[in-house]
Amino acid sequence: MNEKPQITEHLNSYTLNAFIDGELSPAERQGAEQHITTCHACTLRVLSATQLKAATARAGQRFAPPPERLAALPHNSVLKRSCRQIL
């Protein structure tokens, strides 16, 4: 008999993020999907986390300097300046 894994507790943060990022094994993914279809709270957490990750990715692209500007920066001086600010 082929038993399906079943998650009876709410998804923890690790499992939730691994699910969203596609990092679960097929059996773990199946169990998480099954749980999400029956648990309203976890469904909302998955949707919320997915939206947050997408918004963060868009913001990172929006505020990224052009590649030619990054290439013009001397890498070592930026690193040294950052270290001085910390110290």
PDB file of N, CA and C in Angstrom:
ATOM      1  N   MET A   1       0.840  -1.171   0.000  1.00  0.00           N
ATOM      2  CA  MET A   1       0.000   0.000   0.000  1.00  0.00           C
ATOM      3  C   MET A   1       0.894   1.247   0.000  1.00  0.00           C
ATOM      4  N   ASN A   2       0.502   2.252  -0.752  1.00  0.00           N
ATOM      5  CA  ASN A   2       1.276   3.490  -0.867  1.00  0.00           C
ATOM      6  C   ASN A   2       0.689   4.537   0.073  1.00  0.00           C
ATOM      7  N   GLU A   3       1.362   4.743   1.206  1.00  0.00           N
ATOM      8  CA  GLU A   3       0.867   5.701   2.187  1.00  0.00           C
ATOM      9  C   GLU A   3       1.357   7.093   1.847  1.00  0.00           C
ATOM     10  N   LYS A   4       0.485   8.079   1.979  1.00  0.00           N
ATOM     11  CA  LYS A   4       0.846   9.465   1.730  1.00  0.00           C
ATOM     12  C   LYS A   4       1.274  10.101   3.039  1.00  0.00           C
ATOM     13  N   PRO A   5       2.395  10.847   3.029  1.00  0.00           N
ATOM     14  CA  PRO A   5       2.794  11.527   4.258  1.00  0.00           C
ATOM     15  C   PRO A   5       1.766  12.579   4.624  1.00  0.00           C
ATOM     16  N   GLN A   6       1.530  12.740   5.903  1.00  0.00           N
ATOM     17  CA  GLN A   6       0.530  13.684   6.352  1.00  0.00           C
ATOM     18  C   GLN A   6       1.105  14.542   7.467  1.00  0.00           C
ATOM     19  N   ILE A   7       0.934  15.845   7.331  1.00  0.00           N
ATOM     20  CA  ILE A   7       1.384  16.780   8.351  1.00  0.00           C
ATOM     21  C   ILE A   7       0.157  17.168   9.170  1.00  0.00           C
ATOM     22  N   THR A   8       0.201  16.914  10.457  1.00  0.00           N
ATOM     23  CA  THR A   8      -0.958  17.194  11.299  1.00  0.00           C
ATOM     24  C   THR A   8      -0.807  18.505  12.064  1.00  0.00           C
ATOM     25  N   GLU A   9       0.432  18.981  12.235  1.00  0.00           N
ATOM     26  CA  GLU A   9       0.653  20.242  12.920  1.00  0.00           C
ATOM     27  C   GLU A   9       0.846  21.331  11.884  1.00  0.00           C
ATOM     28  N   HIS A  10       0.806  22.586  12.333  1.00  0.00           N
ATOM     29  CA  HIS A  10       1.046  23.695  11.420  1.00  0.00           C
ATOM     30  C   HIS A  10       2.472  23.627  10.887  1.00  0.00           C
ATOM     31  N   LEU A  11       2.664  24.162   9.695  1.00  0.00           N
ATOM     32  CA  LEU A  11       3.997  24.191   9.105  1.00  0.00           C
ATOM     33  C   LEU A  11       4.892  25.132   9.905  1.00  0.00           C
ATOM     34  N   ASN A  12       6.100  24.681  10.227  1.00  0.00           N
ATOM     35  CA  ASN A  12       7.028  25.584  10.898  1.00  0.00           C
ATOM     36  C   ASN A  12       7.662  26.494   9.842  1.00  0.00           C
ATOM     37  N   SER A  13       8.402  27.498  10.281  1.00  0.00           N
ATOM     38  CA  SER A  13       8.975  28.482   9.355  1.00  0.00           C
ATOM     39  C   SER A  13       9.923  27.846   8.350  1.00  0.00           C
ATOM     40  N   TYR A  14      10.737  26.893   8.828  1.00  0.00           N
ATOM     41  CA  TYR A  14      11.670  26.221   7.924  1.00  0.00           C
ATOM     42  C   TYR A  14      10.912  25.493   6.814  1.00  0.00           C
ATOM     43  N   THR A  15       9.929  24.710   7.180  1.00  0.00           N
ATOM     44  CA  THR A  15       9.165  23.944   6.195  1.00  0.00           C
ATOM     45  C   THR A  15       8.416  24.864   5.262  1.00  0.00           C
ATOM     46  N   LEU A  16       7.830  25.917   5.811  1.00  0.00           N
ATOM     47  CA  LEU A  16       7.081  26.875   4.999  1.00  0.00           C
ATOM     48  C   LEU A  16       7.986  27.498   3.938  1.00  0.00           C
ATOM     49  N   ASN A  17       9.166  27.980   4.347  1.00  0.00           N
ATOM     50  CA  ASN A  17      10.074  28.609   3.391  1.00  0.00           C
ATOM     51  C   ASN A  17      10.651  27.601   2.410  1.00  0.00           C
ATOM     52  N   ALA A  18      10.965  26.409   2.872  1.00  0.00           N
ATOM     53  CA  ALA A  18      11.475  25.371   1.975  1.00  0.00           C
ATOM     54  C   ALA A  18      10.405  24.983   0.960  1.00  0.00           C
ATOM     55  N   PHE A  19       9.151  24.959   1.361  1.00  0.00           N
ATOM     56  CA  PHE A  19       8.043  24.663   0.460  1.00  0.00           C
ATOM     57  C   PHE A  19       7.962  25.722  -0.626  1.00  0.00           C
ATOM     58  N   ILE A  20       7.989  26.984  -0.229  1.00  0.00           N
ATOM     59  CA  ILE A  20       7.887  28.093  -1.184  1.00  0.00           C
ATOM     60  C   ILE A  20       9.069  28.080  -2.156  1.00  0.00           C
ATOM     61  N   ASP A  21      10.255  27.779  -1.645  1.00  0.00           N
ATOM     62  CA  ASP A  21      11.460  27.801  -2.466  1.00  0.00           C
ATOM     63  C   ASP A  21      11.679  26.513  -3.252  1.00  0.00           C
ATOM     64  N   GLY A  22      10.783  25.535  -3.109  1.00  0.00           N
ATOM     65  CA  GLY A  22      10.902  24.283  -3.844  1.00  0.00           C
ATOM     66  C   GLY A  22      12.043  23.408  -3.354  1.00  0.00           C
ATOM     67  N   GLU A  23      12.344  23.468  -2.061  1.00  0.00           N
ATOM     68  CA  GLU A  23      13.474  22.738  -1.495  1.00  0.00           C
ATOM     69  C   GLU A  23      13.085  21.481  -0.720  1.00  0.00           C
ATOM     70  N   LEU A  24      11.826  21.124  -0.724  1.00  0.00           N
ATOM     71  CA  LEU A  24      11.384  19.918  -0.010  1.00  0.00           C
ATOM     72  C   LEU A  24      11.500  18.702  -0.911  1.00  0.00           C
ATOM     73  N   SER A  25      11.679  17.546  -0.287  1.00  0.00           N
ATOM     74  CA  SER A  25      11.659  16.294  -1.040  1.00  0.00           C
ATOM     75  C   SER A  25      10.235  16.090  -1.573  1.00  0.00           C
ATOM     76  N   PRO A  26      10.069  15.250  -2.562  1.00  0.00           N
ATOM     77  CA  PRO A  26       8.712  15.015  -3.080  1.00  0.00           C
ATOM     78  C   PRO A  26       7.723  14.584  -1.987  1.00  0.00           C
ATOM     79  N   ALA A  27       8.153  13.715  -1.078  1.00  0.00           N
ATOM     80  CA  ALA A  27       7.259  13.254  -0.013  1.00  0.00           C
ATOM     81  C   ALA A  27       6.914  14.399   0.943  1.00  0.00           C
ATOM     82  N   GLU A  28       7.919  15.207   1.296  1.00  0.00           N
ATOM     83  CA  GLU A  28       7.664  16.351   2.190  1.00  0.00           C
ATOM     84  C   GLU A  28       6.751  17.366   1.514  1.00  0.00           C
ATOM     85  N   ARG A  29       7.001  17.613   0.233  1.00  0.00           N
ATOM     86  CA  ARG A  29       6.170  18.567  -0.519  1.00  0.00           C
ATOM     87  C   ARG A  29       4.723  18.086  -0.562  1.00  0.00           C
ATOM     88  N   GLN A  30       4.537  16.806  -0.811  1.00  0.00           N
ATOM     89  CA  GLN A  30       3.188  16.249  -0.876  1.00  0.00           C
ATOM     90  C   GLN A  30       2.481  16.416   0.468  1.00  0.00           C
ATOM     91  N   GLY A  31       3.185  16.147   1.553  1.00  0.00           N
ATOM     92  CA  GLY A  31       2.596  16.312   2.878  1.00  0.00           C
ATOM     93  C   GLY A  31       2.252  17.764   3.167  1.00  0.00           C
ATOM     94  N   ALA A  32       3.142  18.677   2.787  1.00  0.00           N
ATOM     95  CA  ALA A  32       2.888  20.105   3.003  1.00  0.00           C
ATOM     96  C   ALA A  32       1.696  20.567   2.167  1.00  0.00           C
ATOM     97  N   GLU A  33       1.636  20.144   0.916  1.00  0.00           N
ATOM     98  CA  GLU A  33       0.502  20.516   0.053  1.00  0.00           C
ATOM     99  C   GLU A  33      -0.814  20.006   0.630  1.00  0.00           C
ATOM    100  N   GLN A  34      -0.788  18.775   1.107  1.00  0.00           N
ATOM    101  CA  GLN A  34      -1.995  18.182   1.688  1.00  0.00           C
ATOM    102  C   GLN A  34      -2.427  18.997   2.912  1.00  0.00           C
ATOM    103  N   HIS A  35      -1.472  19.370   3.744  1.00  0.00           N
ATOM    104  CA  HIS A  35      -1.788  20.154   4.934  1.00  0.00           C
ATOM    105  C   HIS A  35      -2.336  21.528   4.549  1.00  0.00           C
ATOM    106  N   ILE A  36      -1.709  22.164   3.594  1.00  0.00           N
ATOM    107  CA  ILE A  36      -2.126  23.517   3.180  1.00  0.00           C
ATOM    108  C   ILE A  36      -3.548  23.517   2.641  1.00  0.00           C
ATOM    109  N   THR A  37      -3.942  22.448   1.971  1.00  0.00           N
ATOM    110  CA  THR A  37      -5.302  22.404   1.421  1.00  0.00           C
ATOM    111  C   THR A  37      -6.369  22.309   2.510  1.00  0.00           C
ATOM    112  N   THR A  38      -5.971  21.891   3.709  1.00  0.00           N
ATOM    113  CA  THR A  38      -6.959  21.750   4.779  1.00  0.00           C
ATOM    114  C   THR A  38      -6.776  22.748   5.921  1.00  0.00           C
ATOM    115  N   CYS A  39      -5.671  23.501   5.911  1.00  0.00           N
ATOM    116  CA  CYS A  39      -5.380  24.413   7.024  1.00  0.00           C
ATOM    117  C   CYS A  39      -5.380  25.857   6.528  1.00  0.00           C
ATOM    118  N   HIS A  40      -6.407  26.593   6.894  1.00  0.00           N
ATOM    119  CA  HIS A  40      -6.554  27.979   6.463  1.00  0.00           C
ATOM    120  C   HIS A  40      -5.394  28.846   6.959  1.00  0.00           C
ATOM    121  N   ALA A  41      -4.967  28.647   8.200  1.00  0.00           N
ATOM    122  CA  ALA A  41      -3.888  29.467   8.772  1.00  0.00           C
ATOM    123  C   ALA A  41      -2.587  29.275   7.989  1.00  0.00           C
ATOM    124  N   CYS A  42      -2.242  28.046   7.664  1.00  0.00           N
ATOM    125  CA  CYS A  42      -1.005  27.791   6.918  1.00  0.00           C
ATOM    126  C   CYS A  42      -1.110  28.274   5.477  1.00  0.00           C
ATOM    127  N   THR A  43      -2.297  28.171   4.900  1.00  0.00           N
ATOM    128  CA  THR A  43      -2.509  28.705   3.553  1.00  0.00           C
ATOM    129  C   THR A  43      -2.229  30.202   3.537  1.00  0.00           C
ATOM    130  N   LEU A  44      -2.736  30.924   4.528  1.00  0.00           N
ATOM    131  CA  LEU A  44      -2.491  32.364   4.608  1.00  0.00           C
ATOM    132  C   LEU A  44      -1.017  32.671   4.824  1.00  0.00           C
ATOM    133  N   ARG A  45      -0.344  31.867   5.639  1.00  0.00           N
ATOM    134  CA  ARG A  45       1.095  32.081   5.876  1.00  0.00           C
ATOM    135  C   ARG A  45       1.890  31.858   4.597  1.00  0.00           C
ATOM    136  N   VAL A  46       1.540  30.828   3.821  1.00  0.00           N
ATOM    137  CA  VAL A  46       2.238  30.566   2.559  1.00  0.00           C
ATOM    138  C   VAL A  46       2.004  31.716   1.583  1.00  0.00           C
ATOM    139  N   LEU A  47       0.771  32.161   1.460  1.00  0.00           N
ATOM    140  CA  LEU A  47       0.470  33.274   0.555  1.00  0.00           C
ATOM    141  C   LEU A  47       1.197  34.543   0.977  1.00  0.00           C
ATOM    142  N   SER A  48       1.178  34.834   2.252  1.00  0.00           N
ATOM    143  CA  SER A  48       1.838  36.028   2.764  1.00  0.00           C
ATOM    144  C   SER A  48       3.343  35.977   2.536  1.00  0.00           C
ATOM    145  N   ALA A  49       3.959  34.848   2.847  1.00  0.00           N
ATOM    146  CA  ALA A  49       5.404  34.707   2.666  1.00  0.00           C
ATOM    147  C   ALA A  49       5.785  34.763   1.187  1.00  0.00           C
ATOM    148  N   THR A  50       4.961  34.189   0.320  1.00  0.00           N
ATOM    149  CA  THR A  50       5.213  34.228  -1.115  1.00  0.00           C
ATOM    150  C   THR A  50       5.165  35.666  -1.620  1.00  0.00           C
ATOM    151  N   GLN A  51       4.172  36.422  -1.173  1.00  0.00           N
ATOM    152  CA  GLN A  51       4.057  37.827  -1.579  1.00  0.00           C
ATOM    153  C   GLN A  51       5.233  38.642  -1.055  1.00  0.00           C
ATOM    154  N   LEU A  52       5.659  38.393   0.173  1.00  0.00           N
ATOM    155  CA  LEU A  52       6.794  39.108   0.744  1.00  0.00           C
ATOM    156  C   LEU A  52       8.075  38.817  -0.036  1.00  0.00           C
ATOM    157  N   LYS A  53       8.316  37.551  -0.373  1.00  0.00           N
ATOM    158  CA  LYS A  53       9.507  37.198  -1.135  1.00  0.00           C
ATOM    159  C   LYS A  53       9.489  37.848  -2.514  1.00  0.00           C
ATOM    160  N   ALA A  54       8.338  37.871  -3.157  1.00  0.00           N
ATOM    161  CA  ALA A  54       8.228  38.489  -4.482  1.00  0.00           C
ATOM    162  C   ALA A  54       8.457  39.993  -4.399  1.00  0.00           C
ATOM    163  N   ALA A  55       7.882  40.642  -3.394  1.00  0.00           N
ATOM    164  CA  ALA A  55       8.060  42.087  -3.232  1.00  0.00           C
ATOM    165  C   ALA A  55       9.507  42.433  -2.922  1.00  0.00           C
ATOM    166  N   THR A  56      10.164  41.616  -2.113  1.00  0.00           N
ATOM    167  CA  THR A  56      11.569  41.842  -1.788  1.00  0.00           C
ATOM    168  C   THR A  56      12.437  41.702  -3.033  1.00  0.00           C
ATOM    169  N   ALA A  57      12.161  40.714  -3.853  1.00  0.00           N
ATOM    170  CA  ALA A  57      12.919  40.518  -5.092  1.00  0.00           C
ATOM    171  C   ALA A  57      12.722  41.703  -6.033  1.00  0.00           C
ATOM    172  N   ARG A  58      11.479  42.185  -6.144  1.00  0.00           N
ATOM    173  CA  ARG A  58      11.214  43.349  -7.008  1.00  0.00           C
ATOM    174  C   ARG A  58      11.924  44.588  -6.492  1.00  0.00           C
ATOM    175  N   ALA A  59      11.906  44.792  -5.181  1.00  0.00           N
ATOM    176  CA  ALA A  59      12.569  45.960  -4.595  1.00  0.00           C
ATOM    177  C   ALA A  59      14.072  45.890  -4.823  1.00  0.00           C
ATOM    178  N   GLY A  60      14.652  44.726  -4.704  1.00  0.00           N
ATOM    179  CA  GLY A  60      16.082  44.573  -4.940  1.00  0.00           C
ATOM    180  C   GLY A  60      16.458  44.913  -6.370  1.00  0.00           C
ATOM    181  N   GLN A  61      15.625  44.543  -7.320  1.00  0.00           N
ATOM    182  CA  GLN A  61      15.879  44.861  -8.725  1.00  0.00           C
ATOM    183  C   GLN A  61      15.666  46.349  -8.983  1.00  0.00           C
ATOM    184  N   ARG A  62      14.683  46.909  -8.330  1.00  0.00           N
ATOM    185  CA  ARG A  62      14.337  48.315  -8.544  1.00  0.00           C
ATOM    186  C   ARG A  62      15.458  49.249  -8.092  1.00  0.00           C
ATOM    187  N   PHE A  63      16.111  48.922  -6.989  1.00  0.00           N
ATOM    188  CA  PHE A  63      17.114  49.804  -6.427  1.00  0.00           C
ATOM    189  C   PHE A  63      18.547  49.374  -6.710  1.00  0.00           C
ATOM    190  N   ALA A  64      18.731  48.388  -7.552  1.00  0.00           N
ATOM    191  CA  ALA A  64      20.084  47.930  -7.888  1.00  0.00           C
ATOM    192  C   ALA A  64      20.738  48.937  -8.828  1.00  0.00           C
ATOM    193  N   PRO A  65      21.984  49.308  -8.548  1.00  0.00           N
ATOM    194  CA  PRO A  65      22.679  50.222  -9.456  1.00  0.00           C
ATOM    195  C   PRO A  65      22.985  49.528 -10.777  1.00  0.00           C
ATOM    196  N   PRO A  66      23.123  50.307 -11.838  1.00  0.00           N
ATOM    197  CA  PRO A  66      23.454  49.698 -13.137  1.00  0.00           C
ATOM    198  C   PRO A  66      24.799  48.967 -13.065  1.00  0.00           C
ATOM    199  N   PRO A  67      24.961  47.894 -13.806  1.00  0.00           N
ATOM    200  CA  PRO A  67      26.194  47.095 -13.759  1.00  0.00           C
ATOM    201  C   PRO A  67      27.454  47.913 -14.046  1.00  0.00           C
ATOM    202  N   GLU A  68      27.352  48.876 -14.960  1.00  0.00           N
ATOM    203  CA  GLU A  68      28.540  49.676 -15.289  1.00  0.00           C
ATOM    204  C   GLU A  68      28.991  50.533 -14.107  1.00  0.00           C
ATOM    205  N   ARG A  69      28.054  50.965 -13.259  1.00  0.00           N
ATOM    206  CA  ARG A  69      28.412  51.725 -12.063  1.00  0.00           C
ATOM    207  C   ARG A  69      29.070  50.817 -11.027  1.00  0.00           C
ATOM    208  N   LEU A  70      28.562  49.616 -10.888  1.00  0.00           N
ATOM    209  CA  LEU A  70      29.174  48.659  -9.968  1.00  0.00           C
ATOM    210  C   LEU A  70      30.587  48.305 -10.410  1.00  0.00           C
ATOM    211  N   ALA A  71      30.777  48.137 -11.712  1.00  0.00           N
ATOM    212  CA  ALA A  71      32.094  47.788 -12.232  1.00  0.00           C
ATOM    213  C   ALA A  71      33.101  48.910 -12.007  1.00  0.00           C
ATOM    214  N   ALA A  72      32.627  50.155 -11.969  1.00  0.00           N
ATOM    215  CA  ALA A  72      33.514  51.305 -11.800  1.00  0.00           C
ATOM    216  C   ALA A  72      33.986  51.466 -10.360  1.00  0.00           C
ATOM    217  N   LEU A  73      33.316  50.826  -9.422  1.00  0.00           N
ATOM    218  CA  LEU A  73      33.710  50.949  -8.018  1.00  0.00           C
ATOM    219  C   LEU A  73      34.928  50.082  -7.724  1.00  0.00           C
ATOM    220  N   PRO A  74      35.937  50.676  -7.106  1.00  0.00           N
ATOM    221  CA  PRO A  74      37.061  49.839  -6.680  1.00  0.00           C
ATOM    222  C   PRO A  74      36.620  48.983  -5.494  1.00  0.00           C
ATOM    223  N   HIS A  75      36.600  47.695  -5.674  1.00  0.00           N
ATOM    224  CA  HIS A  75      36.062  46.757  -4.684  1.00  0.00           C
ATOM    225  C   HIS A  75      36.736  46.910  -3.326  1.00  0.00           C
ATOM    226  N   ASN A  76      38.040  47.001  -3.289  1.00  0.00           N
ATOM    227  CA  ASN A  76      38.748  47.052  -2.017  1.00  0.00           C
ATOM    228  C   ASN A  76      38.457  48.319  -1.228  1.00  0.00           C
ATOM    229  N   SER A  77      38.321  49.457  -1.911  1.00  0.00           N
ATOM    230  CA  SER A  77      38.077  50.691  -1.168  1.00  0.00           C
ATOM    231  C   SER A  77      36.686  50.690  -0.550  1.00  0.00           C
ATOM    232  N   VAL A  78      35.733  50.110  -1.237  1.00  0.00           N
ATOM    233  CA  VAL A  78      34.382  50.011  -0.677  1.00  0.00           C
ATOM    234  C   VAL A  78      34.409  49.113   0.553  1.00  0.00           C
ATOM    235  N   LEU A  79      35.108  48.007   0.463  1.00  0.00           N
ATOM    236  CA  LEU A  79      35.199  47.076   1.581  1.00  0.00           C
ATOM    237  C   LEU A  79      35.916  47.728   2.765  1.00  0.00           C
ATOM    238  N   LYS A  80      37.018  48.428   2.499  1.00  0.00           N
ATOM    239  CA  LYS A  80      37.762  49.097   3.575  1.00  0.00           C
ATOM    240  C   LYS A  80      36.907  50.172   4.238  1.00  0.00           C
ATOM    241  N   ARG A  81      36.186  50.934   3.446  1.00  0.00           N
ATOM    242  CA  ARG A  81      35.331  51.994   3.979  1.00  0.00           C
ATOM    243  C   ARG A  81      34.242  51.388   4.862  1.00  0.00           C
ATOM    244  N   SER A  82      33.656  50.276   4.445  1.00  0.00           N
ATOM    245  CA  SER A  82      32.627  49.613   5.245  1.00  0.00           C
ATOM    246  C   SER A  82      33.189  49.120   6.562  1.00  0.00           C
ATOM    247  N   CYS A  83      34.401  48.583   6.523  1.00  0.00           N
ATOM    248  CA  CYS A  83      35.040  48.083   7.751  1.00  0.00           C
ATOM    249  C   CYS A  83      35.335  49.218   8.712  1.00  0.00           C
ATOM    250  N   ARG A  84      35.776  50.368   8.180  1.00  0.00           N
ATOM    251  CA  ARG A  84      36.058  51.510   9.035  1.00  0.00           C
ATOM    252  C   ARG A  84      34.790  52.008   9.736  1.00  0.00           C
ATOM    253  N   GLN A  85      33.663  51.972   9.033  1.00  0.00           N
ATOM    254  CA  GLN A  85      32.393  52.428   9.622  1.00  0.00           C
ATOM    255  C   GLN A  85      31.982  51.522  10.767  1.00  0.00           C
ATOM    256  N   ILE A  86      32.251  50.243  10.648  1.00  0.00           N
ATOM    257  CA  ILE A  86      31.897  49.289  11.701  1.00  0.00           C
ATOM    258  C   ILE A  86      32.771  49.493  12.929  1.00  0.00           C
ATOM    259  N   LEU A  87      34.081  49.725  12.703  1.00  0.00           N
ATOM    260  CA  LEU A  87      35.022  49.889  13.809  1.00  0.00           C
ATOM    261  C   LEU A  87      34.835  51.252  14.397  1.00  0.00           C
TER     262      LEU A  87
END
